[in-house]
């Protein structure tokens, strides 16, 4: 079973939520919204490239635009392998939470 790092999970979740609007700036904003984590563009694209190399996401170039100096946005989409890895990671996190609640009876659910 492939599991993801926390950062990989956050980036994949952001891409899934954004659907067809998942490009760099939007993903960065969604990561901040979801995790309260501000990432630099270098970190953002490093993670996105890593997810691409692992076969978890695909990327496609949009149409060039004048306001971007003729450059294209790169749009990302989660592939089935990425969804499987994300589901496996979520399953593992839930199992861990359940075990921790049993091991620490006075632990509040929202503290985890």
PDB file of N, CA and C in Angstrom:
ATOM      1  N   UNK A   1       0.840  -1.172   0.000  1.00  0.00           N
ATOM      2  CA  UNK A   1       0.000   0.000   0.000  1.00  0.00           C
ATOM      3  C   UNK A   1       0.891   1.244   0.000  1.00  0.00           C
ATOM      4  N   UNK A   2       0.682   2.116  -0.977  1.00  0.00           N
ATOM      5  CA  UNK A   2       1.437   3.363  -1.054  1.00  0.00           C
ATOM      6  C   UNK A   2       0.766   4.402  -0.163  1.00  0.00           C
ATOM      7  N   UNK A   3       1.567   5.044   0.686  1.00  0.00           N
ATOM      8  CA  UNK A   3       1.042   6.151   1.475  1.00  0.00           C
ATOM      9  C   UNK A   3       1.796   7.408   1.088  1.00  0.00           C
ATOM     10  N   UNK A   4       1.141   8.510   1.312  1.00  0.00           N
ATOM     11  CA  UNK A   4       1.680   9.810   0.927  1.00  0.00           C
ATOM     12  C   UNK A   4       2.220  10.542   2.137  1.00  0.00           C
ATOM     13  N   UNK A   5       3.114  11.485   1.885  1.00  0.00           N
ATOM     14  CA  UNK A   5       3.527  12.388   2.948  1.00  0.00           C
ATOM     15  C   UNK A   5       2.359  13.338   3.217  1.00  0.00           C
ATOM     16  N   UNK A   6       2.417  14.040   4.318  1.00  0.00           N
ATOM     17  CA  UNK A   6       1.370  15.015   4.631  1.00  0.00           C
ATOM     18  C   UNK A   6       1.271  16.070   3.528  1.00  0.00           C
ATOM     19  N   UNK A   7       2.414  16.569   3.070  1.00  0.00           N
ATOM     20  CA  UNK A   7       2.403  17.578   2.007  1.00  0.00           C
ATOM     21  C   UNK A   7       1.788  17.034   0.720  1.00  0.00           C
ATOM     22  N   UNK A   8       2.144  15.807   0.355  1.00  0.00           N
ATOM     23  CA  UNK A   8       1.568  15.214  -0.850  1.00  0.00           C
ATOM     24  C   UNK A   8       0.052  15.105  -0.723  1.00  0.00           C
ATOM     25  N   UNK A   9      -0.417  14.714   0.456  1.00  0.00           N
ATOM     26  CA  UNK A   9      -1.858  14.603   0.692  1.00  0.00           C
ATOM     27  C   UNK A   9      -2.546  15.954   0.543  1.00  0.00           C
ATOM     28  N   UNK A  10      -1.939  16.982   1.086  1.00  0.00           N
ATOM     29  CA  UNK A  10      -2.519  18.325   1.015  1.00  0.00           C
ATOM     30  C   UNK A  10      -2.588  18.804  -0.432  1.00  0.00           C
ATOM     31  N   UNK A  11      -1.512  18.615  -1.180  1.00  0.00           N
ATOM     32  CA  UNK A  11      -1.497  19.068  -2.578  1.00  0.00           C
ATOM     33  C   UNK A  11      -2.491  18.285  -3.430  1.00  0.00           C
ATOM     34  N   UNK A  12      -2.565  16.975  -3.235  1.00  0.00           N
ATOM     35  CA  UNK A  12      -3.540  16.180  -3.993  1.00  0.00           C
ATOM     36  C   UNK A  12      -4.966  16.589  -3.632  1.00  0.00           C
ATOM     37  N   UNK A  13      -5.224  16.828  -2.360  1.00  0.00           N
ATOM     38  CA  UNK A  13      -6.564  17.269  -1.945  1.00  0.00           C
ATOM     39  C   UNK A  13      -6.911  18.604  -2.594  1.00  0.00           C
ATOM     40  N   UNK A  14      -5.967  19.515  -2.623  1.00  0.00           N
ATOM     41  CA  UNK A  14      -6.208  20.824  -3.243  1.00  0.00           C
ATOM     42  C   UNK A  14      -6.545  20.665  -4.722  1.00  0.00           C
ATOM     43  N   UNK A  15      -5.810  19.824  -5.414  1.00  0.00           N
ATOM     44  CA  UNK A  15      -6.052  19.606  -6.848  1.00  0.00           C
ATOM     45  C   UNK A  15      -7.433  18.978  -7.054  1.00  0.00           C
ATOM     46  N   UNK A  16      -7.781  17.997  -6.234  1.00  0.00           N
ATOM     47  CA  UNK A  16      -9.101  17.360  -6.346  1.00  0.00           C
ATOM     48  C   UNK A  16     -10.228  18.369  -6.139  1.00  0.00           C
ATOM     49  N   UNK A  17     -10.097  19.193  -5.130  1.00  0.00           N
ATOM     50  CA  UNK A  17     -11.140  20.168  -4.808  1.00  0.00           C
ATOM     51  C   UNK A  17     -11.277  21.208  -5.914  1.00  0.00           C
ATOM     52  N   UNK A  18     -10.161  21.640  -6.476  1.00  0.00           N
ATOM     53  CA  UNK A  18     -10.189  22.676  -7.510  1.00  0.00           C
ATOM     54  C   UNK A  18     -10.695  22.167  -8.860  1.00  0.00           C
ATOM     55  N   UNK A  19     -10.684  20.857  -9.038  1.00  0.00           N
ATOM     56  CA  UNK A  19     -11.138  20.217 -10.276  1.00  0.00           C
ATOM     57  C   UNK A  19     -10.440  20.823 -11.495  1.00  0.00           C
ATOM     58  N   UNK A  20     -11.202  21.373 -12.451  1.00  0.00           N
ATOM     59  CA  UNK A  20     -10.619  21.888 -13.695  1.00  0.00           C
ATOM     60  C   UNK A  20      -9.870  23.215 -13.519  1.00  0.00           C
ATOM     61  N   UNK A  21      -9.943  23.806 -12.338  1.00  0.00           N
ATOM     62  CA  UNK A  21      -9.258  25.076 -12.089  1.00  0.00           C
ATOM     63  C   UNK A  21      -7.966  24.919 -11.314  1.00  0.00           C
ATOM     64  N   UNK A  22      -7.381  23.725 -11.349  1.00  0.00           N
ATOM     65  CA  UNK A  22      -6.186  23.442 -10.552  1.00  0.00           C
ATOM     66  C   UNK A  22      -4.919  23.834 -11.310  1.00  0.00           C
ATOM     67  N   UNK A  23      -4.488  25.067 -11.124  1.00  0.00           N
ATOM     68  CA  UNK A  23      -3.213  25.538 -11.669  1.00  0.00           C
ATOM     69  C   UNK A  23      -2.450  26.180 -10.516  1.00  0.00           C
ATOM     70  N   UNK A  24      -1.198  26.514 -10.736  1.00  0.00           N
ATOM     71  CA  UNK A  24      -0.287  26.943  -9.679  1.00  0.00           C
ATOM     72  C   UNK A  24      -0.842  27.893  -8.634  1.00  0.00           C
ATOM     73  N   UNK A  25      -1.292  29.069  -9.046  1.00  0.00           N
ATOM     74  CA  UNK A  25      -1.756  30.087  -8.093  1.00  0.00           C
ATOM     75  C   UNK A  25      -2.955  29.577  -7.304  1.00  0.00           C
ATOM     76  N   UNK A  26      -3.901  28.945  -7.986  1.00  0.00           N
ATOM     77  CA  UNK A  26      -5.099  28.436  -7.316  1.00  0.00           C
ATOM     78  C   UNK A  26      -4.751  27.321  -6.332  1.00  0.00           C
ATOM     79  N   UNK A  27      -3.833  26.445  -6.710  1.00  0.00           N
ATOM     80  CA  UNK A  27      -3.412  25.359  -5.815  1.00  0.00           C
ATOM     81  C   UNK A  27      -2.746  25.946  -4.575  1.00  0.00           C
ATOM     82  N   UNK A  28      -1.899  26.925  -4.783  1.00  0.00           N
ATOM     83  CA  UNK A  28      -1.202  27.574  -3.653  1.00  0.00           C
ATOM     84  C   UNK A  28      -2.213  28.185  -2.675  1.00  0.00           C
ATOM     85  N   UNK A  29      -3.219  28.858  -3.200  1.00  0.00           N
ATOM     86  CA  UNK A  29      -4.259  29.458  -2.342  1.00  0.00           C
ATOM     87  C   UNK A  29      -5.043  28.387  -1.600  1.00  0.00           C
ATOM     88  N   UNK A  30      -5.371  27.304  -2.294  1.00  0.00           N
ATOM     89  CA  UNK A  30      -6.157  26.233  -1.678  1.00  0.00           C
ATOM     90  C   UNK A  30      -5.357  25.536  -0.582  1.00  0.00           C
ATOM     91  N   UNK A  31      -4.065  25.355  -0.786  1.00  0.00           N
ATOM     92  CA  UNK A  31      -3.210  24.760   0.248  1.00  0.00           C
ATOM     93  C   UNK A  31      -3.221  25.645   1.496  1.00  0.00           C
ATOM     94  N   UNK A  32      -3.145  26.944   1.308  1.00  0.00           N
ATOM     95  CA  UNK A  32      -3.198  27.876   2.437  1.00  0.00           C
ATOM     96  C   UNK A  32      -4.547  27.762   3.156  1.00  0.00           C
ATOM     97  N   UNK A  33      -5.616  27.673   2.383  1.00  0.00           N
ATOM     98  CA  UNK A  33      -6.955  27.557   2.961  1.00  0.00           C
ATOM     99  C   UNK A  33      -7.137  26.231   3.704  1.00  0.00           C
ATOM    100  N   UNK A  34      -6.700  25.144   3.129  1.00  0.00           N
ATOM    101  CA  UNK A  34      -6.892  23.822   3.723  1.00  0.00           C
ATOM    102  C   UNK A  34      -6.012  23.573   4.939  1.00  0.00           C
ATOM    103  N   UNK A  35      -4.749  23.963   4.838  1.00  0.00           N
ATOM    104  CA  UNK A  35      -3.775  23.586   5.869  1.00  0.00           C
ATOM    105  C   UNK A  35      -3.183  24.763   6.628  1.00  0.00           C
ATOM    106  N   UNK A  36      -3.560  25.985   6.236  1.00  0.00           N
ATOM    107  CA  UNK A  36      -2.969  27.148   6.881  1.00  0.00           C
ATOM    108  C   UNK A  36      -1.488  27.243   6.607  1.00  0.00           C
ATOM    109  N   UNK A  37      -1.076  26.677   5.480  1.00  0.00           N
ATOM    110  CA  UNK A  37       0.340  26.572   5.157  1.00  0.00           C
ATOM    111  C   UNK A  37       0.641  27.386   3.904  1.00  0.00           C
ATOM    112  N   UNK A  38       1.455  28.415   4.053  1.00  0.00           N
ATOM    113  CA  UNK A  38       1.869  29.223   2.911  1.00  0.00           C
ATOM    114  C   UNK A  38       3.134  28.609   2.323  1.00  0.00           C
ATOM    115  N   UNK A  39       3.097  28.330   1.022  1.00  0.00           N
ATOM    116  CA  UNK A  39       4.253  27.726   0.367  1.00  0.00           C
ATOM    117  C   UNK A  39       4.766  28.670  -0.718  1.00  0.00           C
ATOM    118  N   UNK A  40       6.063  28.678  -0.896  1.00  0.00           N
ATOM    119  CA  UNK A  40       6.653  29.471  -1.969  1.00  0.00           C
ATOM    120  C   UNK A  40       6.341  28.805  -3.301  1.00  0.00           C
ATOM    121  N   UNK A  41       6.492  29.555  -4.376  1.00  0.00           N
ATOM    122  CA  UNK A  41       6.244  28.976  -5.690  1.00  0.00           C
ATOM    123  C   UNK A  41       7.267  27.889  -6.014  1.00  0.00           C
ATOM    124  N   UNK A  42       8.476  28.043  -5.533  1.00  0.00           N
ATOM    125  CA  UNK A  42       9.492  27.010  -5.745  1.00  0.00           C
ATOM    126  C   UNK A  42       9.091  25.703  -5.075  1.00  0.00           C
ATOM    127  N   UNK A  43       8.620  25.786  -3.834  1.00  0.00           N
ATOM    128  CA  UNK A  43       8.159  24.607  -3.109  1.00  0.00           C
ATOM    129  C   UNK A  43       6.929  24.013  -3.782  1.00  0.00           C
ATOM    130  N   UNK A  44       6.016  24.870  -4.198  1.00  0.00           N
ATOM    131  CA  UNK A  44       4.799  24.429  -4.874  1.00  0.00           C
ATOM    132  C   UNK A  44       5.127  23.588  -6.102  1.00  0.00           C
ATOM    133  N   UNK A  45       5.935  24.148  -6.993  1.00  0.00           N
ATOM    134  CA  UNK A  45       6.236  23.440  -8.238  1.00  0.00           C
ATOM    135  C   UNK A  45       7.133  22.225  -8.017  1.00  0.00           C
ATOM    136  N   UNK A  46       7.936  22.249  -6.980  1.00  0.00           N
ATOM    137  CA  UNK A  46       8.735  21.077  -6.642  1.00  0.00           C
ATOM    138  C   UNK A  46       7.815  19.915  -6.253  1.00  0.00           C
ATOM    139  N   UNK A  47       6.826  20.196  -5.404  1.00  0.00           N
ATOM    140  CA  UNK A  47       5.866  19.164  -4.997  1.00  0.00           C
ATOM    141  C   UNK A  47       5.034  18.691  -6.183  1.00  0.00           C
ATOM    142  N   UNK A  48       4.585  19.621  -7.017  1.00  0.00           N
ATOM    143  CA  UNK A  48       3.772  19.242  -8.168  1.00  0.00           C
ATOM    144  C   UNK A  48       4.571  18.377  -9.145  1.00  0.00           C
ATOM    145  N   UNK A  49       5.828  18.731  -9.358  1.00  0.00           N
ATOM    146  CA  UNK A  49       6.690  17.906 -10.230  1.00  0.00           C
ATOM    147  C   UNK A  49       6.902  16.514  -9.640  1.00  0.00           C
ATOM    148  N   UNK A  50       7.056  16.446  -8.320  1.00  0.00           N
ATOM    149  CA  UNK A  50       7.243  15.150  -7.661  1.00  0.00           C
ATOM    150  C   UNK A  50       5.983  14.292  -7.821  1.00  0.00           C
ATOM    151  N   UNK A  51       4.810  14.888  -7.648  1.00  0.00           N
ATOM    152  CA  UNK A  51       3.560  14.144  -7.828  1.00  0.00           C
ATOM    153  C   UNK A  51       3.405  13.674  -9.276  1.00  0.00           C
ATOM    154  N   UNK A  52       3.856  14.505 -10.211  1.00  0.00           N
ATOM    155  CA  UNK A  52       3.809  14.146 -11.630  1.00  0.00           C
ATOM    156  C   UNK A  52       4.744  12.959 -11.915  1.00  0.00           C
ATOM    157  N   UNK A  53       5.973  13.030 -11.396  1.00  0.00           N
ATOM    158  CA  UNK A  53       6.948  11.954 -11.614  1.00  0.00           C
ATOM    159  C   UNK A  53       6.475  10.622 -11.015  1.00  0.00           C
ATOM    160  N   UNK A  54       5.766  10.691  -9.901  1.00  0.00           N
ATOM    161  CA  UNK A  54       5.259   9.479  -9.257  1.00  0.00           C
ATOM    162  C   UNK A  54       4.028   8.921  -9.965  1.00  0.00           C
ATOM    163  N   UNK A  55       3.497   9.658 -10.919  1.00  0.00           N
ATOM    164  CA  UNK A  55       2.327   9.194 -11.654  1.00  0.00           C
ATOM    165  C   UNK A  55       1.010   9.455 -10.948  1.00  0.00           C
ATOM    166  N   UNK A  56       1.005  10.402 -10.002  1.00  0.00           N
ATOM    167  CA  UNK A  56      -0.204  10.720  -9.245  1.00  0.00           C
ATOM    168  C   UNK A  56      -1.030  11.829  -9.887  1.00  0.00           C
ATOM    169  N   UNK A  57      -0.391  12.669 -10.681  1.00  0.00           N
ATOM    170  CA  UNK A  57      -1.110  13.751 -11.366  1.00  0.00           C
ATOM    171  C   UNK A  57      -0.648  13.829 -12.817  1.00  0.00           C
ATOM    172  N   UNK A  58      -1.484  14.439 -13.613  1.00  0.00           N
ATOM    173  CA  UNK A  58      -1.118  14.761 -14.984  1.00  0.00           C
ATOM    174  C   UNK A  58      -1.115  16.274 -15.092  1.00  0.00           C
ATOM    175  N   UNK A  59      -0.429  16.786 -16.076  1.00  0.00           N
ATOM    176  CA  UNK A  59      -0.450  18.227 -16.277  1.00  0.00           C
ATOM    177  C   UNK A  59      -0.692  18.520 -17.752  1.00  0.00           C
ATOM    178  N   UNK A  60      -1.383  19.627 -17.978  1.00  0.00           N
ATOM    179  CA  UNK A  60      -1.708  20.044 -19.336  1.00  0.00           C
ATOM    180  C   UNK A  60      -1.567  21.555 -19.420  1.00  0.00           C
ATOM    181  N   UNK A  61      -1.102  22.025 -20.555  1.00  0.00           N
ATOM    182  CA  UNK A  61      -0.906  23.452 -20.743  1.00  0.00           C
ATOM    183  C   UNK A  61      -2.174  24.089 -21.297  1.00  0.00           C
ATOM    184  N   UNK A  62      -2.559  25.215 -20.693  1.00  0.00           N
ATOM    185  CA  UNK A  62      -3.689  25.989 -21.192  1.00  0.00           C
ATOM    186  C   UNK A  62      -3.237  26.862 -22.347  1.00  0.00           C
ATOM    187  N   UNK A  63      -4.144  27.689 -22.803  1.00  0.00           N
ATOM    188  CA  UNK A  63      -3.818  28.598 -23.907  1.00  0.00           C
ATOM    189  C   UNK A  63      -2.959  29.742 -23.392  1.00  0.00           C
ATOM    190  N   UNK A  64      -1.973  30.183 -24.177  1.00  0.00           N
ATOM    191  CA  UNK A  64      -1.160  31.342 -23.781  1.00  0.00           C
ATOM    192  C   UNK A  64      -2.045  32.579 -23.666  1.00  0.00           C
ATOM    193  N   UNK A  65      -1.704  33.449 -22.729  1.00  0.00           N
ATOM    194  CA  UNK A  65      -2.490  34.667 -22.570  1.00  0.00           C
ATOM    195  C   UNK A  65      -1.568  35.885 -22.548  1.00  0.00           C
ATOM    196  N   UNK A  66      -2.087  36.986 -23.060  1.00  0.00           N
ATOM    197  CA  UNK A  66      -1.313  38.225 -23.139  1.00  0.00           C
ATOM    198  C   UNK A  66      -0.938  38.732 -21.746  1.00  0.00           C
ATOM    199  N   UNK A  67      -1.877  38.636 -20.781  1.00  0.00           N
ATOM    200  CA  UNK A  67      -1.583  39.146 -19.437  1.00  0.00           C
ATOM    201  C   UNK A  67      -0.511  38.335 -18.726  1.00  0.00           C
ATOM    202  N   UNK A  68      -0.209  37.151 -19.222  1.00  0.00           N
ATOM    203  CA  UNK A  68       0.864  36.327 -18.656  1.00  0.00           C
ATOM    204  C   UNK A  68       2.109  36.380 -19.530  1.00  0.00           C
ATOM    205  N   UNK A  69       2.182  37.382 -20.387  1.00  0.00           N
ATOM    206  CA  UNK A  69       3.351  37.529 -21.246  1.00  0.00           C
ATOM    207  C   UNK A  69       3.454  36.421 -22.288  1.00  0.00           C
ATOM    208  N   UNK A  70       2.317  35.890 -22.691  1.00  0.00           N
ATOM    209  CA  UNK A  70       2.305  34.840 -23.696  1.00  0.00           C
ATOM    210  C   UNK A  70       2.546  33.446 -23.148  1.00  0.00           C
ATOM    211  N   UNK A  71       2.670  33.332 -21.838  1.00  0.00           N
ATOM    212  CA  UNK A  71       2.889  32.018 -21.227  1.00  0.00           C
ATOM    213  C   UNK A  71       1.561  31.321 -20.950  1.00  0.00           C
ATOM    214  N   UNK A  72       1.608  30.018 -20.885  1.00  0.00           N
ATOM    215  CA  UNK A  72       0.428  29.202 -20.604  1.00  0.00           C
ATOM    216  C   UNK A  72       0.391  28.810 -19.134  1.00  0.00           C
ATOM    217  N   UNK A  73      -0.823  28.706 -18.591  1.00  0.00           N
ATOM    218  CA  UNK A  73      -0.984  28.114 -17.272  1.00  0.00           C
ATOM    219  C   UNK A  73      -0.818  26.606 -17.414  1.00  0.00           C
ATOM    220  N   UNK A  74      -0.314  25.984 -16.358  1.00  0.00           N
ATOM    221  CA  UNK A  74      -0.218  24.525 -16.321  1.00  0.00           C
ATOM    222  C   UNK A  74      -1.316  24.034 -15.377  1.00  0.00           C
ATOM    223  N   UNK A  75      -2.205  23.228 -15.905  1.00  0.00           N
ATOM    224  CA  UNK A  75      -3.312  22.684 -15.127  1.00  0.00           C
ATOM    225  C   UNK A  75      -2.993  21.250 -14.703  1.00  0.00           C
ATOM    226  N   UNK A  76      -3.364  20.920 -13.473  1.00  0.00           N
ATOM    227  CA  UNK A  76      -3.089  19.602 -12.908  1.00  0.00           C
ATOM    228  C   UNK A  76      -4.389  18.854 -12.642  1.00  0.00           C
ATOM    229  N   UNK A  77      -4.330  17.546 -12.776  1.00  0.00           N
ATOM    230  CA  UNK A  77      -5.480  16.680 -12.517  1.00  0.00           C
ATOM    231  C   UNK A  77      -4.970  15.417 -11.839  1.00  0.00           C
ATOM    232  N   UNK A  78      -5.708  14.952 -10.833  1.00  0.00           N
ATOM    233  CA  UNK A  78      -5.315  13.745 -10.106  1.00  0.00           C
ATOM    234  C   UNK A  78      -5.645  12.518 -10.956  1.00  0.00           C
ATOM    235  N   UNK A  79      -4.672  11.643 -11.084  1.00  0.00           N
ATOM    236  CA  UNK A  79      -4.834  10.379 -11.816  1.00  0.00           C
ATOM    237  C   UNK A  79      -5.347   9.294 -10.864  1.00  0.00           C
ATOM    238  N   UNK A  80      -5.856   8.188 -11.406  1.00  0.00           N
ATOM    239  CA  UNK A  80      -6.337   7.100 -10.537  1.00  0.00           C
ATOM    240  C   UNK A  80      -5.298   6.639  -9.505  1.00  0.00           C
ATOM    241  N   UNK A  81      -4.037   6.559  -9.873  1.00  0.00           N
ATOM    242  CA  UNK A  81      -3.004   6.143  -8.913  1.00  0.00           C
ATOM    243  C   UNK A  81      -2.892   7.139  -7.757  1.00  0.00           C
ATOM    244  N   UNK A  82      -3.064   8.417  -8.039  1.00  0.00           N
ATOM    245  CA  UNK A  82      -3.034   9.431  -6.992  1.00  0.00           C
ATOM    246  C   UNK A  82      -4.224   9.309  -6.065  1.00  0.00           C
ATOM    247  N   UNK A  83      -5.382   9.022  -6.629  1.00  0.00           N
ATOM    248  CA  UNK A  83      -6.587   8.842  -5.824  1.00  0.00           C
ATOM    249  C   UNK A  83      -6.474   7.608  -4.933  1.00  0.00           C
ATOM    250  N   UNK A  84      -5.917   6.534  -5.469  1.00  0.00           N
ATOM    251  CA  UNK A  84      -5.715   5.314  -4.675  1.00  0.00           C
ATOM    252  C   UNK A  84      -4.748   5.589  -3.522  1.00  0.00           C
ATOM    253  N   UNK A  85      -3.656   6.286  -3.805  1.00  0.00           N
ATOM    254  CA  UNK A  85      -2.678   6.606  -2.763  1.00  0.00           C
ATOM    255  C   UNK A  85      -3.293   7.515  -1.702  1.00  0.00           C
ATOM    256  N   UNK A  86      -4.107   8.470  -2.136  1.00  0.00           N
ATOM    257  CA  UNK A  86      -4.760   9.382  -1.182  1.00  0.00           C
ATOM    258  C   UNK A  86      -5.741   8.615  -0.305  1.00  0.00           C
ATOM    259  N   UNK A  87      -6.519   7.722  -0.893  1.00  0.00           N
ATOM    260  CA  UNK A  87      -7.462   6.909  -0.110  1.00  0.00           C
ATOM    261  C   UNK A  87      -6.723   6.026   0.889  1.00  0.00           C
ATOM    262  N   UNK A  88      -5.622   5.420   0.464  1.00  0.00           N
ATOM    263  CA  UNK A  88      -4.826   4.577   1.365  1.00  0.00           C
ATOM    264  C   UNK A  88      -4.285   5.377   2.538  1.00  0.00           C
ATOM    265  N   UNK A  89      -3.834   6.587   2.252  1.00  0.00           N
ATOM    266  CA  UNK A  89      -3.292   7.452   3.296  1.00  0.00           C
ATOM    267  C   UNK A  89      -4.377   7.870   4.278  1.00  0.00           C
ATOM    268  N   UNK A  90      -5.556   8.201   3.764  1.00  0.00           N
ATOM    269  CA  UNK A  90      -6.672   8.582   4.631  1.00  0.00           C
ATOM    270  C   UNK A  90      -7.079   7.397   5.511  1.00  0.00           C
ATOM    271  N   UNK A  91      -7.128   6.196   4.930  1.00  0.00           N
ATOM    272  CA  UNK A  91      -7.457   4.995   5.698  1.00  0.00           C
ATOM    273  C   UNK A  91      -6.447   4.798   6.835  1.00  0.00           C
ATOM    274  N   UNK A  92      -5.165   4.949   6.526  1.00  0.00           N
ATOM    275  CA  UNK A  92      -4.117   4.805   7.535  1.00  0.00           C
ATOM    276  C   UNK A  92      -4.263   5.861   8.627  1.00  0.00           C
ATOM    277  N   UNK A  93      -4.565   7.106   8.247  1.00  0.00           N
ATOM    278  CA  UNK A  93      -4.736   8.177   9.231  1.00  0.00           C
ATOM    279  C   UNK A  93      -5.914   7.890  10.158  1.00  0.00           C
ATOM    280  N   UNK A  94      -7.017   7.377   9.596  1.00  0.00           N
ATOM    281  CA  UNK A  94      -8.173   7.045  10.426  1.00  0.00           C
ATOM    282  C   UNK A  94      -7.850   5.914  11.397  1.00  0.00           C
ATOM    283  N   UNK A  95      -7.137   4.906  10.920  1.00  0.00           N
ATOM    284  CA  UNK A  95      -6.747   3.795  11.790  1.00  0.00           C
ATOM    285  C   UNK A  95      -5.844   4.288  12.917  1.00  0.00           C
ATOM    286  N   UNK A  96      -4.936   5.179  12.589  1.00  0.00           N
ATOM    287  CA  UNK A  96      -4.042   5.743  13.596  1.00  0.00           C
ATOM    288  C   UNK A  96      -4.823   6.550  14.634  1.00  0.00           C
ATOM    289  N   UNK A  97      -5.773   7.351  14.173  1.00  0.00           N
ATOM    290  CA  UNK A  97      -6.599   8.129  15.103  1.00  0.00           C
ATOM    291  C   UNK A  97      -7.385   7.217  16.040  1.00  0.00           C
ATOM    292  N   UNK A  98      -7.947   6.154  15.490  1.00  0.00           N
ATOM    293  CA  UNK A  98      -8.711   5.207  16.304  1.00  0.00           C
ATOM    294  C   UNK A  98      -7.823   4.580  17.371  1.00  0.00           C
ATOM    295  N   UNK A  99      -6.624   4.172  16.985  1.00  0.00           N
ATOM    296  CA  UNK A  99      -5.682   3.567  17.936  1.00  0.00           C
ATOM    297  C   UNK A  99      -5.273   4.559  19.013  1.00  0.00           C
ATOM    298  N   UNK A 100      -5.054   5.807  18.612  1.00  0.00           N
ATOM    299  CA  UNK A 100      -4.657   6.821  19.591  1.00  0.00           C
ATOM    300  C   UNK A 100      -5.785   7.115  20.573  1.00  0.00           C
ATOM    301  N   UNK A 101      -7.020   7.141  20.096  1.00  0.00           N
ATOM    302  CA  UNK A 101      -8.149   7.380  20.998  1.00  0.00           C
ATOM    303  C   UNK A 101      -8.282   6.242  22.007  1.00  0.00           C
ATOM    304  N   UNK A 102      -7.962   5.006  21.596  1.00  0.00           N
ATOM    305  CA  UNK A 102      -8.013   3.864  22.521  1.00  0.00           C
ATOM    306  C   UNK A 102      -6.846   3.923  23.507  1.00  0.00           C
ATOM    307  N   UNK A 103      -5.692   4.350  23.046  1.00  0.00           N
ATOM    308  CA  UNK A 103      -4.499   4.399  23.899  1.00  0.00           C
ATOM    309  C   UNK A 103      -4.539   5.572  24.871  1.00  0.00           C
ATOM    310  N   UNK A 104      -5.185   6.649  24.443  1.00  0.00           N
ATOM    311  CA  UNK A 104      -5.262   7.864  25.278  1.00  0.00           C
ATOM    312  C   UNK A 104      -6.734   8.217  25.436  1.00  0.00           C
ATOM    313  N   UNK A 105      -7.420   7.624  26.433  1.00  0.00           N
ATOM    314  CA  UNK A 105      -8.874   7.766  26.560  1.00  0.00           C
ATOM    315  C   UNK A 105      -9.374   9.213  26.674  1.00  0.00           C
ATOM    316  N   UNK A 106      -8.623  10.092  27.288  1.00  0.00           N
ATOM    317  CA  UNK A 106      -9.107  11.460  27.470  1.00  0.00           C
ATOM    318  C   UNK A 106      -8.723  12.381  26.310  1.00  0.00           C
ATOM    319  N   UNK A 107      -8.252  11.802  25.228  1.00  0.00           N
ATOM    320  CA  UNK A 107      -7.858  12.576  24.047  1.00  0.00           C
ATOM    321  C   UNK A 107      -9.105  12.992  23.280  1.00  0.00           C
ATOM    322  N   UNK A 108      -9.252  14.279  23.049  1.00  0.00           N
ATOM    323  CA  UNK A 108     -10.383  14.798  22.283  1.00  0.00           C
ATOM    324  C   UNK A 108     -10.130  14.570  20.802  1.00  0.00           C
ATOM    325  N   UNK A 109     -11.172  14.221  20.060  1.00  0.00           N
ATOM    326  CA  UNK A 109     -11.057  13.962  18.624  1.00  0.00           C
ATOM    327  C   UNK A 109     -10.486  15.135  17.878  1.00  0.00           C
ATOM    328  N   UNK A 110     -10.914  16.345  18.186  1.00  0.00           N
ATOM    329  CA  UNK A 110     -10.433  17.504  17.439  1.00  0.00           C
ATOM    330  C   UNK A 110      -9.047  17.964  17.876  1.00  0.00           C
ATOM    331  N   UNK A 111      -8.439  17.281  18.825  1.00  0.00           N
ATOM    332  CA  UNK A 111      -7.049  17.576  19.192  1.00  0.00           C
ATOM    333  C   UNK A 111      -6.078  16.898  18.247  1.00  0.00           C
ATOM    334  N   UNK A 112      -6.543  15.911  17.491  1.00  0.00           N
ATOM    335  CA  UNK A 112      -5.662  15.175  16.590  1.00  0.00           C
ATOM    336  C   UNK A 112      -5.625  15.878  15.260  1.00  0.00           C
TER     337      UNK A 112
END
